[in-house]
Structures are given as C-alpha cells and as structure tokens.
Amino acid sequence: FNPRYGRLGLVAMPYFFLFEALAPVVEVLGYALMPVFYFFGLF
C-alpha cells in the first residue's frame, strides 16, 4: 500500500497479500462456518 512503488505497492503486493496469502483462510473459514450459520438459523 506504498504509493512510492506505484502499481507494485498499490495493486500487485496488496493483491498477493489479500487474494493469494489470505485466500485459503477466507475460503476454509467460509466452508467451516456454514454449519455454524445453519445452527444459528442464519443459513
């Protein structure tokens, strides 16, 4: 998120952080929370 590095700092590095490094965390938690949503009537 550093504008000094142009599109690398503002696009590429944030993408790899948010959508590559964190992607499995978000996806796995998404699968795991489905039963929780069902239990609380939010599914």
PDB file of all heavy atoms in Angstrom:
ATOM      1  N   PHE A   1       0.819  -1.226   0.000  1.00  0.00           N
ATOM      2  CA  PHE A   1       0.000   0.000   0.000  1.00  0.00           C
ATOM      3  C   PHE A   1       0.849   1.272   0.000  1.00  0.00           C
ATOM      4  O   PHE A   1       0.403   2.327   0.447  1.00  0.00           O
ATOM      5  CB  PHE A   1      -0.947   0.016   1.213  1.00  0.00           C
ATOM      6  CG  PHE A   1      -1.817  -1.200   1.317  1.00  0.00           C
ATOM      7  CD1 PHE A   1      -1.540  -2.188   2.259  1.00  0.00           C
ATOM      8  CD2 PHE A   1      -2.898  -1.368   0.466  1.00  0.00           C
ATOM      9  CE1 PHE A   1      -2.332  -3.317   2.355  1.00  0.00           C
ATOM     10  CE2 PHE A   1      -3.692  -2.499   0.557  1.00  0.00           C
ATOM     11  CZ  PHE A   1      -3.410  -3.477   1.503  1.00  0.00           C
ATOM     12  N   ASN A   2       2.087   1.169  -0.512  1.00  0.00           N
ATOM     13  CA  ASN A   2       3.006   2.299  -0.530  1.00  0.00           C
ATOM     14  C   ASN A   2       3.031   2.901  -1.935  1.00  0.00           C
ATOM     15  O   ASN A   2       3.518   2.284  -2.879  1.00  0.00           O
ATOM     16  CB  ASN A   2       4.405   1.835  -0.128  1.00  0.00           C
ATOM     17  CG  ASN A   2       5.355   2.989   0.117  1.00  0.00           C
ATOM     18  OD1 ASN A   2       5.171   4.086  -0.411  1.00  0.00           O
ATOM     19  ND2 ASN A   2       6.382   2.747   0.913  1.00  0.00           N
ATOM     20  N   PRO A   3       2.527   4.143  -2.093  1.00  0.00           N
ATOM     21  CA  PRO A   3       2.485   4.754  -3.435  1.00  0.00           C
ATOM     22  C   PRO A   3       3.862   4.993  -4.039  1.00  0.00           C
ATOM     23  O   PRO A   3       3.975   5.184  -5.257  1.00  0.00           O
ATOM     24  CB  PRO A   3       1.756   6.078  -3.181  1.00  0.00           C
ATOM     25  CG  PRO A   3       1.912   6.344  -1.731  1.00  0.00           C
ATOM     26  CD  PRO A   3       1.957   5.017  -1.056  1.00  0.00           C
ATOM     27  N   ARG A   4       4.912   4.944  -3.236  1.00  0.00           N
ATOM     28  CA  ARG A   4       6.270   5.127  -3.759  1.00  0.00           C
ATOM     29  C   ARG A   4       6.598   4.055  -4.800  1.00  0.00           C
ATOM     30  O   ARG A   4       7.395   4.303  -5.720  1.00  0.00           O
ATOM     31  CB  ARG A   4       7.279   5.060  -2.615  1.00  0.00           C
ATOM     32  CG  ARG A   4       8.730   5.204  -3.072  1.00  0.00           C
ATOM     33  CD  ARG A   4       9.687   5.009  -1.915  1.00  0.00           C
ATOM     34  NE  ARG A   4      11.069   5.208  -2.327  1.00  0.00           N
ATOM     35  CZ  ARG A   4      12.125   4.982  -1.552  1.00  0.00           C
ATOM     36  NH1 ARG A   4      11.952   4.556  -0.304  1.00  0.00           N
ATOM     37  NH2 ARG A   4      13.357   5.178  -1.998  1.00  0.00           N
ATOM     38  N   TYR A   5       5.982   2.878  -4.665  1.00  0.00           N
ATOM     39  CA  TYR A   5       6.280   1.761  -5.555  1.00  0.00           C
ATOM     40  C   TYR A   5       5.231   1.600  -6.652  1.00  0.00           C
ATOM     41  O   TYR A   5       5.168   0.559  -7.310  1.00  0.00           O
ATOM     42  CB  TYR A   5       6.423   0.477  -4.741  1.00  0.00           C
ATOM     43  CG  TYR A   5       7.549   0.565  -3.738  1.00  0.00           C
ATOM     44  CD1 TYR A   5       7.292   0.922  -2.411  1.00  0.00           C
ATOM     45  CD2 TYR A   5       8.858   0.337  -4.117  1.00  0.00           C
ATOM     46  CE1 TYR A   5       8.320   1.030  -1.491  1.00  0.00           C
ATOM     47  CE2 TYR A   5       9.899   0.450  -3.206  1.00  0.00           C
ATOM     48  CZ  TYR A   5       9.622   0.802  -1.895  1.00  0.00           C
ATOM     49  OH  TYR A   5      10.654   0.922  -0.992  1.00  0.00           O
ATOM     50  N   GLY A   6       4.425   2.625  -6.863  1.00  0.00           N
ATOM     51  CA  GLY A   6       3.483   2.639  -7.974  1.00  0.00           C
ATOM     52  C   GLY A   6       2.502   1.484  -7.930  1.00  0.00           C
ATOM     53  O   GLY A   6       1.977   1.126  -6.876  1.00  0.00           O
ATOM     54  N   ARG A   7       2.249   0.905  -9.091  1.00  0.00           N
ATOM     55  CA  ARG A   7       1.270  -0.190  -9.184  1.00  0.00           C
ATOM     56  C   ARG A   7       1.719  -1.426  -8.408  1.00  0.00           C
ATOM     57  O   ARG A   7       0.899  -2.265  -8.040  1.00  0.00           O
ATOM     58  CB  ARG A   7       1.012  -0.537 -10.638  1.00  0.00           C
ATOM     59  CG  ARG A   7       2.170  -1.168 -11.364  1.00  0.00           C
ATOM     60  CD  ARG A   7       1.970  -1.197 -12.865  1.00  0.00           C
ATOM     61  NE  ARG A   7       2.035   0.147 -13.423  1.00  0.00           N
ATOM     62  CZ  ARG A   7       1.897   0.431 -14.712  1.00  0.00           C
ATOM     63  NH1 ARG A   7       1.647  -0.529 -15.572  1.00  0.00           N
ATOM     64  NH2 ARG A   7       1.989   1.677 -15.144  1.00  0.00           N
ATOM     65  N   LEU A   8       3.034  -1.550  -8.147  1.00  0.00           N
ATOM     66  CA  LEU A   8       3.504  -2.666  -7.327  1.00  0.00           C
ATOM     67  C   LEU A   8       3.013  -2.528  -5.896  1.00  0.00           C
ATOM     68  O   LEU A   8       2.512  -3.480  -5.293  1.00  0.00           O
ATOM     69  CB  LEU A   8       5.034  -2.730  -7.332  1.00  0.00           C
ATOM     70  CG  LEU A   8       5.697  -3.033  -8.672  1.00  0.00           C
ATOM     71  CD1 LEU A   8       7.182  -2.803  -8.579  1.00  0.00           C
ATOM     72  CD2 LEU A   8       5.407  -4.459  -9.085  1.00  0.00           C
ATOM     73  N   GLY A   9       3.175  -1.320  -5.336  1.00  0.00           N
ATOM     74  CA  GLY A   9       2.781  -1.101  -3.950  1.00  0.00           C
ATOM     75  C   GLY A   9       1.288  -0.964  -3.755  1.00  0.00           C
ATOM     76  O   GLY A   9       0.767  -1.308  -2.690  1.00  0.00           O
ATOM     77  N   LEU A  10       0.588  -0.464  -4.787  1.00  0.00           N
ATOM     78  CA  LEU A  10      -0.838  -0.194  -4.642  1.00  0.00           C
ATOM     79  C   LEU A  10      -1.736  -1.282  -5.208  1.00  0.00           C
ATOM     80  O   LEU A  10      -2.923  -1.340  -4.861  1.00  0.00           O
ATOM     81  CB  LEU A  10      -1.180   1.147  -5.301  1.00  0.00           C
ATOM     82  CG  LEU A  10      -0.492   2.372  -4.704  1.00  0.00           C
ATOM     83  CD1 LEU A  10      -0.863   3.624  -5.484  1.00  0.00           C
ATOM     84  CD2 LEU A  10      -0.852   2.531  -3.231  1.00  0.00           C
ATOM     85  N   VAL A  11      -1.191  -2.129  -6.088  1.00  0.00           N
ATOM     86  CA  VAL A  11      -2.029  -3.167  -6.703  1.00  0.00           C
ATOM     87  C   VAL A  11      -1.434  -4.567  -6.499  1.00  0.00           C
ATOM     88  O   VAL A  11      -2.075  -5.441  -5.903  1.00  0.00           O
ATOM     89  CB  VAL A  11      -2.233  -2.903  -8.214  1.00  0.00           C
ATOM     90  CG1 VAL A  11      -3.108  -4.007  -8.824  1.00  0.00           C
ATOM     91  CG2 VAL A  11      -2.859  -1.545  -8.449  1.00  0.00           C
ATOM     92  N   ALA A  12      -0.223  -4.802  -6.994  1.00  0.00           N
ATOM     93  CA  ALA A  12       0.334  -6.158  -7.011  1.00  0.00           C
ATOM     94  C   ALA A  12       0.570  -6.717  -5.609  1.00  0.00           C
ATOM     95  O   ALA A  12       0.089  -7.808  -5.282  1.00  0.00           O
ATOM     96  CB  ALA A  12       1.634  -6.175  -7.816  1.00  0.00           C
ATOM     97  N   MET A  13       1.305  -5.997  -4.771  1.00  0.00           N
ATOM     98  CA  MET A  13       1.580  -6.503  -3.427  1.00  0.00           C
ATOM     99  C   MET A  13       0.299  -6.644  -2.605  1.00  0.00           C
ATOM    100  O   MET A  13       0.111  -7.675  -1.932  1.00  0.00           O
ATOM    101  CB  MET A  13       2.593  -5.596  -2.729  1.00  0.00           C
ATOM    102  CG  MET A  13       3.994  -5.652  -3.316  1.00  0.00           C
ATOM    103  SD  MET A  13       4.854  -7.229  -3.026  1.00  0.00           S
ATOM    104  CE  MET A  13       5.325  -7.058  -1.305  1.00  0.00           C
ATOM    105  N   PRO A  14      -0.611  -5.655  -2.614  1.00  0.00           N
ATOM    106  CA  PRO A  14      -1.881  -5.859  -1.901  1.00  0.00           C
ATOM    107  C   PRO A  14      -2.671  -7.051  -2.425  1.00  0.00           C
ATOM    108  O   PRO A  14      -3.306  -7.773  -1.646  1.00  0.00           O
ATOM    109  CB  PRO A  14      -2.629  -4.544  -2.146  1.00  0.00           C
ATOM    110  CG  PRO A  14      -1.556  -3.539  -2.334  1.00  0.00           C
ATOM    111  CD  PRO A  14      -0.477  -4.263  -3.081  1.00  0.00           C
ATOM    112  N   TYR A  15      -2.653  -7.255  -3.748  1.00  0.00           N
ATOM    113  CA  TYR A  15      -3.366  -8.414  -4.300  1.00  0.00           C
ATOM    114  C   TYR A  15      -2.803  -9.710  -3.739  1.00  0.00           C
ATOM    115  O   TYR A  15      -3.552 -10.593  -3.304  1.00  0.00           O
ATOM    116  CB  TYR A  15      -3.282  -8.429  -5.825  1.00  0.00           C
ATOM    117  CG  TYR A  15      -3.818  -9.708  -6.426  1.00  0.00           C
ATOM    118  CD1 TYR A  15      -5.167  -9.837  -6.728  1.00  0.00           C
ATOM    119  CD2 TYR A  15      -2.982 -10.802  -6.650  1.00  0.00           C
ATOM    120  CE1 TYR A  15      -5.674 -11.033  -7.251  1.00  0.00           C
ATOM    121  CE2 TYR A  15      -3.477 -11.994  -7.172  1.00  0.00           C
ATOM    122  CZ  TYR A  15      -4.817 -12.102  -7.466  1.00  0.00           C
ATOM    123  OH  TYR A  15      -5.313 -13.276  -7.962  1.00  0.00           O
ATOM    124  N   PHE A  16      -1.478  -9.863  -3.769  1.00  0.00           N
ATOM    125  CA  PHE A  16      -0.883 -11.103  -3.292  1.00  0.00           C
ATOM    126  C   PHE A  16      -1.100 -11.291  -1.788  1.00  0.00           C
ATOM    127  O   PHE A  16      -1.183 -12.426  -1.309  1.00  0.00           O
ATOM    128  CB  PHE A  16       0.607 -11.147  -3.633  1.00  0.00           C
ATOM    129  CG  PHE A  16       0.874 -11.648  -5.016  1.00  0.00           C
ATOM    130  CD1 PHE A  16       0.943 -10.772  -6.087  1.00  0.00           C
ATOM    131  CD2 PHE A  16       1.029 -13.003  -5.264  1.00  0.00           C
ATOM    132  CE1 PHE A  16       1.165 -11.233  -7.377  1.00  0.00           C
ATOM    133  CE2 PHE A  16       1.251 -13.480  -6.547  1.00  0.00           C
ATOM    134  CZ  PHE A  16       1.321 -12.594  -7.611  1.00  0.00           C
ATOM    135  N   PHE A  17      -1.204 -10.189  -1.053  1.00  0.00           N
ATOM    136  CA  PHE A  17      -1.491 -10.292   0.376  1.00  0.00           C
ATOM    137  C   PHE A  17      -2.946 -10.674   0.628  1.00  0.00           C
ATOM    138  O   PHE A  17      -3.243 -11.633   1.349  1.00  0.00           O
ATOM    139  CB  PHE A  17      -1.162  -8.971   1.074  1.00  0.00           C
ATOM    140  CG  PHE A  17      -1.605  -8.910   2.508  1.00  0.00           C
ATOM    141  CD1 PHE A  17      -1.084  -9.794   3.448  1.00  0.00           C
ATOM    142  CD2 PHE A  17      -2.542  -7.980   2.924  1.00  0.00           C
ATOM    143  CE1 PHE A  17      -1.498  -9.748   4.781  1.00  0.00           C
ATOM    144  CE2 PHE A  17      -2.960  -7.918   4.240  1.00  0.00           C
ATOM    145  CZ  PHE A  17      -2.441  -8.810   5.173  1.00  0.00           C
ATOM    146  N   LEU A  18      -3.860  -9.948  -0.003  1.00  0.00           N
ATOM    147  CA  LEU A  18      -5.284 -10.139   0.273  1.00  0.00           C
ATOM    148  C   LEU A  18      -5.873 -11.351  -0.433  1.00  0.00           C
ATOM    149  O   LEU A  18      -6.716 -12.060   0.141  1.00  0.00           O
ATOM    150  CB  LEU A  18      -6.058  -8.880  -0.129  1.00  0.00           C
ATOM    151  CG  LEU A  18      -5.761  -7.605   0.661  1.00  0.00           C
ATOM    152  CD1 LEU A  18      -6.464  -6.413   0.030  1.00  0.00           C
ATOM    153  CD2 LEU A  18      -6.193  -7.773   2.114  1.00  0.00           C
ATOM    154  N   PHE A  19      -5.467 -11.594  -1.696  1.00  0.00           N
ATOM    155  CA  PHE A  19      -6.151 -12.590  -2.509  1.00  0.00           C
ATOM    156  C   PHE A  19      -5.328 -13.832  -2.836  1.00  0.00           C
ATOM    157  O   PHE A  19      -5.821 -14.741  -3.496  1.00  0.00           O
ATOM    158  CB  PHE A  19      -6.627 -11.939  -3.811  1.00  0.00           C
ATOM    159  CG  PHE A  19      -7.593 -10.822  -3.585  1.00  0.00           C
ATOM    160  CD1 PHE A  19      -7.252  -9.519  -3.920  1.00  0.00           C
ATOM    161  CD2 PHE A  19      -8.827 -11.056  -3.011  1.00  0.00           C
ATOM    162  CE1 PHE A  19      -8.134  -8.475  -3.707  1.00  0.00           C
ATOM    163  CE2 PHE A  19      -9.724 -10.023  -2.793  1.00  0.00           C
ATOM    164  CZ  PHE A  19      -9.375  -8.727  -3.136  1.00  0.00           C
ATOM    165  N   GLU A  20      -4.071 -13.869  -2.399  1.00  0.00           N
ATOM    166  CA  GLU A  20      -3.280 -15.086  -2.523  1.00  0.00           C
ATOM    167  C   GLU A  20      -2.919 -15.627  -1.139  1.00  0.00           C
ATOM    168  O   GLU A  20      -3.234 -16.764  -0.808  1.00  0.00           O
ATOM    169  CB  GLU A  20      -2.009 -14.831  -3.343  1.00  0.00           C
ATOM    170  CG  GLU A  20      -2.267 -14.556  -4.816  1.00  0.00           C
ATOM    171  CD  GLU A  20      -2.729 -15.790  -5.579  1.00  0.00           C
ATOM    172  OE1 GLU A  20      -2.545 -16.922  -5.073  1.00  0.00           O
ATOM    173  OE2 GLU A  20      -3.274 -15.627  -6.684  1.00  0.00           O
ATOM    174  N   ALA A  21      -2.269 -14.794  -0.323  1.00  0.00           N
ATOM    175  CA  ALA A  21      -1.866 -15.255   1.007  1.00  0.00           C
ATOM    176  C   ALA A  21      -3.057 -15.524   1.918  1.00  0.00           C
ATOM    177  O   ALA A  21      -3.103 -16.534   2.625  1.00  0.00           O
ATOM    178  CB  ALA A  21      -0.930 -14.222   1.643  1.00  0.00           C
ATOM    179  N   LEU A  22      -4.054 -14.625   1.910  1.00  0.00           N
ATOM    180  CA  LEU A  22      -5.207 -14.771   2.795  1.00  0.00           C
ATOM    181  C   LEU A  22      -6.347 -15.586   2.195  1.00  0.00           C
ATOM    182  O   LEU A  22      -7.279 -15.962   2.907  1.00  0.00           O
ATOM    183  CB  LEU A  22      -5.737 -13.391   3.199  1.00  0.00           C
ATOM    184  CG  LEU A  22      -4.882 -12.581   4.166  1.00  0.00           C
ATOM    185  CD1 LEU A  22      -5.532 -11.227   4.438  1.00  0.00           C
ATOM    186  CD2 LEU A  22      -4.670 -13.330   5.481  1.00  0.00           C
ATOM    187  N   ALA A  23      -6.300 -15.867   0.899  1.00  0.00           N
ATOM    188  CA  ALA A  23      -7.410 -16.560   0.237  1.00  0.00           C
ATOM    189  C   ALA A  23      -7.766 -17.895   0.881  1.00  0.00           C
ATOM    190  O   ALA A  23      -8.953 -18.165   1.116  1.00  0.00           O
ATOM    191  CB  ALA A  23      -7.098 -16.750  -1.249  1.00  0.00           C
ATOM    192  N   PRO A  24      -6.786 -18.773   1.195  1.00  0.00           N
ATOM    193  CA  PRO A  24      -7.183 -20.042   1.810  1.00  0.00           C
ATOM    194  C   PRO A  24      -7.810 -19.870   3.184  1.00  0.00           C
ATOM    195  O   PRO A  24      -8.670 -20.665   3.578  1.00  0.00           O
ATOM    196  CB  PRO A  24      -5.863 -20.825   1.888  1.00  0.00           C
ATOM    197  CG  PRO A  24      -4.792 -19.807   1.790  1.00  0.00           C
ATOM    198  CD  PRO A  24      -5.334 -18.710   0.935  1.00  0.00           C
ATOM    199  N   VAL A  25      -7.403 -18.840   3.914  1.00  0.00           N
ATOM    200  CA  VAL A  25      -8.003 -18.584   5.226  1.00  0.00           C
ATOM    201  C   VAL A  25      -9.476 -18.222   5.053  1.00  0.00           C
ATOM    202  O   VAL A  25     -10.361 -18.766   5.733  1.00  0.00           O
ATOM    203  CB  VAL A  25      -7.246 -17.461   5.966  1.00  0.00           C
ATOM    204  CG1 VAL A  25      -7.937 -17.139   7.293  1.00  0.00           C
ATOM    205  CG2 VAL A  25      -5.798 -17.865   6.196  1.00  0.00           C
ATOM    206  N   VAL A  26      -9.748 -17.301   4.138  1.00  0.00           N
ATOM    207  CA  VAL A  26     -11.130 -16.881   3.899  1.00  0.00           C
ATOM    208  C   VAL A  26     -11.964 -18.046   3.374  1.00  0.00           C
ATOM    209  O   VAL A  26     -13.095 -18.265   3.821  1.00  0.00           O
ATOM    210  CB  VAL A  26     -11.165 -15.699   2.900  1.00  0.00           C
ATOM    211  CG1 VAL A  26     -12.606 -15.325   2.556  1.00  0.00           C
ATOM    212  CG2 VAL A  26     -10.425 -14.500   3.469  1.00  0.00           C
ATOM    213  N   GLU A  27     -11.413 -18.810   2.437  1.00  0.00           N
ATOM    214  CA  GLU A  27     -12.182 -19.900   1.831  1.00  0.00           C
ATOM    215  C   GLU A  27     -12.472 -21.012   2.828  1.00  0.00           C
ATOM    216  O   GLU A  27     -13.612 -21.478   2.942  1.00  0.00           O
ATOM    217  CB  GLU A  27     -11.418 -20.465   0.630  1.00  0.00           C
ATOM    218  CG  GLU A  27     -12.194 -21.536  -0.124  1.00  0.00           C
ATOM    219  CD  GLU A  27     -11.524 -21.956  -1.421  1.00  0.00           C
ATOM    220  OE1 GLU A  27     -10.546 -21.290  -1.819  1.00  0.00           O
ATOM    221  OE2 GLU A  27     -11.988 -22.941  -2.025  1.00  0.00           O
ATOM    222  N   VAL A  28     -11.454 -21.444   3.572  1.00  0.00           N
ATOM    223  CA  VAL A  28     -11.651 -22.532   4.532  1.00  0.00           C
ATOM    224  C   VAL A  28     -12.623 -22.113   5.634  1.00  0.00           C
ATOM    225  O   VAL A  28     -13.500 -22.887   6.042  1.00  0.00           O
ATOM    226  CB  VAL A  28     -10.299 -22.986   5.121  1.00  0.00           C
ATOM    227  CG1 VAL A  28     -10.513 -23.939   6.295  1.00  0.00           C
ATOM    228  CG2 VAL A  28      -9.457 -23.655   4.047  1.00  0.00           C
ATOM    229  N   LEU A  29     -12.480 -20.885   6.131  1.00  0.00           N
ATOM    230  CA  LEU A  29     -13.420 -20.413   7.149  1.00  0.00           C
ATOM    231  C   LEU A  29     -14.832 -20.309   6.589  1.00  0.00           C
ATOM    232  O   LEU A  29     -15.813 -20.555   7.301  1.00  0.00           O
ATOM    233  CB  LEU A  29     -12.966 -19.054   7.693  1.00  0.00           C
ATOM    234  CG  LEU A  29     -11.718 -19.068   8.576  1.00  0.00           C
ATOM    235  CD1 LEU A  29     -11.388 -17.657   9.052  1.00  0.00           C
ATOM    236  CD2 LEU A  29     -11.912 -19.992   9.780  1.00  0.00           C
ATOM    237  N   GLY A  30     -14.930 -19.972   5.303  1.00  0.00           N
ATOM    238  CA  GLY A  30     -16.249 -19.908   4.672  1.00  0.00           C
ATOM    239  C   GLY A  30     -16.934 -21.266   4.681  1.00  0.00           C
ATOM    240  O   GLY A  30     -18.124 -21.375   5.015  1.00  0.00           O
ATOM    241  N   TYR A  31     -16.171 -22.321   4.348  1.00  0.00           N
ATOM    242  CA  TYR A  31     -16.731 -23.678   4.397  1.00  0.00           C
ATOM    243  C   TYR A  31     -17.060 -24.070   5.836  1.00  0.00           C
ATOM    244  O   TYR A  31     -18.121 -24.645   6.115  1.00  0.00           O
ATOM    245  CB  TYR A  31     -15.739 -24.692   3.815  1.00  0.00           C
ATOM    246  CG  TYR A  31     -15.451 -24.520   2.350  1.00  0.00           C
ATOM    247  CD1 TYR A  31     -14.138 -24.442   1.879  1.00  0.00           C
ATOM    248  CD2 TYR A  31     -16.480 -24.457   1.415  1.00  0.00           C
ATOM    249  CE1 TYR A  31     -13.865 -24.300   0.531  1.00  0.00           C
ATOM    250  CE2 TYR A  31     -16.215 -24.314   0.065  1.00  0.00           C
ATOM    251  CZ  TYR A  31     -14.906 -24.230  -0.366  1.00  0.00           C
ATOM    252  OH  TYR A  31     -14.639 -24.081  -1.702  1.00  0.00           O
ATOM    253  N   ALA A  32     -16.125 -23.761   6.760  1.00  0.00           N
ATOM    254  CA  ALA A  32     -16.290 -24.201   8.146  1.00  0.00           C
ATOM    255  C   ALA A  32     -17.467 -23.523   8.845  1.00  0.00           C
ATOM    256  O   ALA A  32     -18.091 -24.116   9.736  1.00  0.00           O
ATOM    257  CB  ALA A  32     -14.998 -23.940   8.925  1.00  0.00           C
ATOM    258  N   LEU A  33     -17.772 -22.279   8.453  1.00  0.00           N
ATOM    259  CA  LEU A  33     -18.832 -21.538   9.140  1.00  0.00           C
ATOM    260  C   LEU A  33     -20.223 -21.858   8.623  1.00  0.00           C
ATOM    261  O   LEU A  33     -21.208 -21.443   9.227  1.00  0.00           O
ATOM    262  CB  LEU A  33     -18.570 -20.032   9.027  1.00  0.00           C
ATOM    263  CG  LEU A  33     -17.439 -19.493   9.905  1.00  0.00           C
ATOM    264  CD1 LEU A  33     -17.204 -18.020   9.620  1.00  0.00           C
ATOM    265  CD2 LEU A  33     -17.742 -19.705  11.377  1.00  0.00           C
ATOM    266  N   MET A  34     -20.313 -22.571   7.517  1.00  0.00           N
ATOM    267  CA  MET A  34     -21.649 -22.915   7.015  1.00  0.00           C
ATOM    268  C   MET A  34     -22.484 -23.681   8.039  1.00  0.00           C
ATOM    269  O   MET A  34     -23.660 -23.360   8.258  1.00  0.00           O
ATOM    270  CB  MET A  34     -21.534 -23.693   5.700  1.00  0.00           C
ATOM    271  CG  MET A  34     -21.326 -22.799   4.493  1.00  0.00           C
ATOM    272  SD  MET A  34     -21.515 -23.684   2.924  1.00  0.00           S
ATOM    273  CE  MET A  34     -21.292 -22.328   1.777  1.00  0.00           C
ATOM    274  N   PRO A  35     -21.915 -24.707   8.714  1.00  0.00           N
ATOM    275  CA  PRO A  35     -22.713 -25.373   9.763  1.00  0.00           C
ATOM    276  C   PRO A  35     -23.084 -24.436  10.913  1.00  0.00           C
ATOM    277  O   PRO A  35     -24.158 -24.582  11.508  1.00  0.00           O
ATOM    278  CB  PRO A  35     -21.782 -26.498  10.246  1.00  0.00           C
ATOM    279  CG  PRO A  35     -20.821 -26.719   9.139  1.00  0.00           C
ATOM    280  CD  PRO A  35     -20.624 -25.379   8.507  1.00  0.00           C
ATOM    281  N   VAL A  36     -22.189 -23.471  11.199  1.00  0.00           N
ATOM    282  CA  VAL A  36     -22.487 -22.509  12.267  1.00  0.00           C
ATOM    283  C   VAL A  36     -23.667 -21.631  11.872  1.00  0.00           C
ATOM    284  O   VAL A  36     -24.578 -21.374  12.679  1.00  0.00           O
ATOM    285  CB  VAL A  36     -21.245 -21.648  12.571  1.00  0.00           C
ATOM    286  CG1 VAL A  36     -21.556 -20.607  13.655  1.00  0.00           C
ATOM    287  CG2 VAL A  36     -20.082 -22.529  12.999  1.00  0.00           C
ATOM    288  N   PHE A  37     -23.653 -21.179  10.610  1.00  0.00           N
ATOM    289  CA  PHE A  37     -24.778 -20.377  10.123  1.00  0.00           C
ATOM    290  C   PHE A  37     -26.087 -21.173  10.212  1.00  0.00           C
ATOM    291  O   PHE A  37     -27.125 -20.643  10.604  1.00  0.00           O
ATOM    292  CB  PHE A  37     -24.546 -19.948   8.668  1.00  0.00           C
ATOM    293  CG  PHE A  37     -23.361 -19.031   8.484  1.00  0.00           C
ATOM    294  CD1 PHE A  37     -22.633 -19.046   7.299  1.00  0.00           C
ATOM    295  CD2 PHE A  37     -22.971 -18.156   9.484  1.00  0.00           C
ATOM    296  CE1 PHE A  37     -21.550 -18.209   7.121  1.00  0.00           C
ATOM    297  CE2 PHE A  37     -21.890 -17.315   9.315  1.00  0.00           C
ATOM    298  CZ  PHE A  37     -21.172 -17.341   8.146  1.00  0.00           C
ATOM    299  N   TYR A  38     -26.002 -22.448   9.872  1.00  0.00           N
ATOM    300  CA  TYR A  38     -27.202 -23.294   9.914  1.00  0.00           C
ATOM    301  C   TYR A  38     -27.702 -23.446  11.352  1.00  0.00           C
ATOM    302  O   TYR A  38     -28.913 -23.378  11.622  1.00  0.00           O
ATOM    303  CB  TYR A  38     -26.883 -24.656   9.312  1.00  0.00           C
ATOM    304  CG  TYR A  38     -28.069 -25.584   9.257  1.00  0.00           C
ATOM    305  CD1 TYR A  38     -29.002 -25.494   8.226  1.00  0.00           C
ATOM    306  CD2 TYR A  38     -28.256 -26.553  10.250  1.00  0.00           C
ATOM    307  CE1 TYR A  38     -30.100 -26.340   8.179  1.00  0.00           C
ATOM    308  CE2 TYR A  38     -29.342 -27.403  10.218  1.00  0.00           C
ATOM    309  CZ  TYR A  38     -30.259 -27.295   9.172  1.00  0.00           C
ATOM    310  OH  TYR A  38     -31.352 -28.131   9.140  1.00  0.00           O
ATOM    311  N   PHE A  39     -26.776 -23.630  12.298  1.00  0.00           N
ATOM    312  CA  PHE A  39     -27.144 -23.831  13.702  1.00  0.00           C
ATOM    313  C   PHE A  39     -27.854 -22.609  14.276  1.00  0.00           C
ATOM    314  O   PHE A  39     -28.811 -22.734  15.048  1.00  0.00           O
ATOM    315  CB  PHE A  39     -25.883 -24.143  14.522  1.00  0.00           C
ATOM    316  CG  PHE A  39     -26.141 -24.320  15.990  1.00  0.00           C
ATOM    317  CD1 PHE A  39     -26.660 -25.513  16.478  1.00  0.00           C
ATOM    318  CD2 PHE A  39     -25.865 -23.286  16.883  1.00  0.00           C
ATOM    319  CE1 PHE A  39     -26.901 -25.667  17.836  1.00  0.00           C
ATOM    320  CE2 PHE A  39     -26.105 -23.440  18.240  1.00  0.00           C
ATOM    321  CZ  PHE A  39     -26.625 -24.635  18.715  1.00  0.00           C
ATOM    322  N   PHE A  40     -27.391 -21.407  13.891  1.00  0.00           N
ATOM    323  CA  PHE A  40     -27.986 -20.189  14.419  1.00  0.00           C
ATOM    324  C   PHE A  40     -29.143 -19.677  13.552  1.00  0.00           C
ATOM    325  O   PHE A  40     -29.646 -18.577  13.786  1.00  0.00           O
ATOM    326  CB  PHE A  40     -26.924 -19.091  14.547  1.00  0.00           C
ATOM    327  CG  PHE A  40     -26.000 -19.276  15.717  1.00  0.00           C
ATOM    328  CD1 PHE A  40     -24.715 -19.782  15.521  1.00  0.00           C
ATOM    329  CD2 PHE A  40     -26.411 -18.962  16.996  1.00  0.00           C
ATOM    330  CE1 PHE A  40     -23.861 -19.957  16.588  1.00  0.00           C
ATOM    331  CE2 PHE A  40     -25.551 -19.129  18.077  1.00  0.00           C
ATOM    332  CZ  PHE A  40     -24.276 -19.642  17.882  1.00  0.00           C
ATOM    333  N   GLY A  41     -29.520 -20.458  12.570  1.00  0.00           N
ATOM    334  CA  GLY A  41     -30.649 -20.065  11.733  1.00  0.00           C
ATOM    335  C   GLY A  41     -30.326 -18.984  10.731  1.00  0.00           C
ATOM    336  O   GLY A  41     -31.236 -18.327  10.206  1.00  0.00           O
ATOM    337  N   LEU A  42     -29.024 -18.779  10.463  1.00  0.00           N
ATOM    338  CA  LEU A  42     -28.617 -17.735   9.513  1.00  0.00           C
ATOM    339  C   LEU A  42     -28.336 -18.299   8.127  1.00  0.00           C
ATOM    340  O   LEU A  42     -28.082 -17.544   7.195  1.00  0.00           O
ATOM    341  CB  LEU A  42     -27.354 -17.021  10.018  1.00  0.00           C
ATOM    342  CG  LEU A  42     -27.524 -16.167  11.277  1.00  0.00           C
ATOM    343  CD1 LEU A  42     -26.182 -15.599  11.706  1.00  0.00           C
ATOM    344  CD2 LEU A  42     -28.504 -15.025  11.036  1.00  0.00           C
ATOM    345  N   PHE A  43     -28.360 -19.600   8.011  1.00  0.00           N
ATOM    346  CA  PHE A  43     -28.045 -20.213   6.717  1.00  0.00           C
ATOM    347  C   PHE A  43     -29.185 -19.955   5.735  1.00  0.00           C
ATOM    348  O   PHE A  43     -30.352 -20.161   6.046  1.00  0.00           O
ATOM    349  CB  PHE A  43     -27.845 -21.716   6.885  1.00  0.00           C
ATOM    350  CG  PHE A  43     -27.452 -22.412   5.614  1.00  0.00           C
ATOM    351  CD1 PHE A  43     -26.130 -22.467   5.234  1.00  0.00           C
ATOM    352  CD2 PHE A  43     -28.408 -23.006   4.800  1.00  0.00           C
ATOM    353  CE1 PHE A  43     -25.755 -23.117   4.069  1.00  0.00           C
ATOM    354  CE2 PHE A  43     -28.051 -23.647   3.634  1.00  0.00           C
ATOM    355  CZ  PHE A  43     -26.711 -23.702   3.267  1.00  0.00           C
TER     356      PHE A  43
END
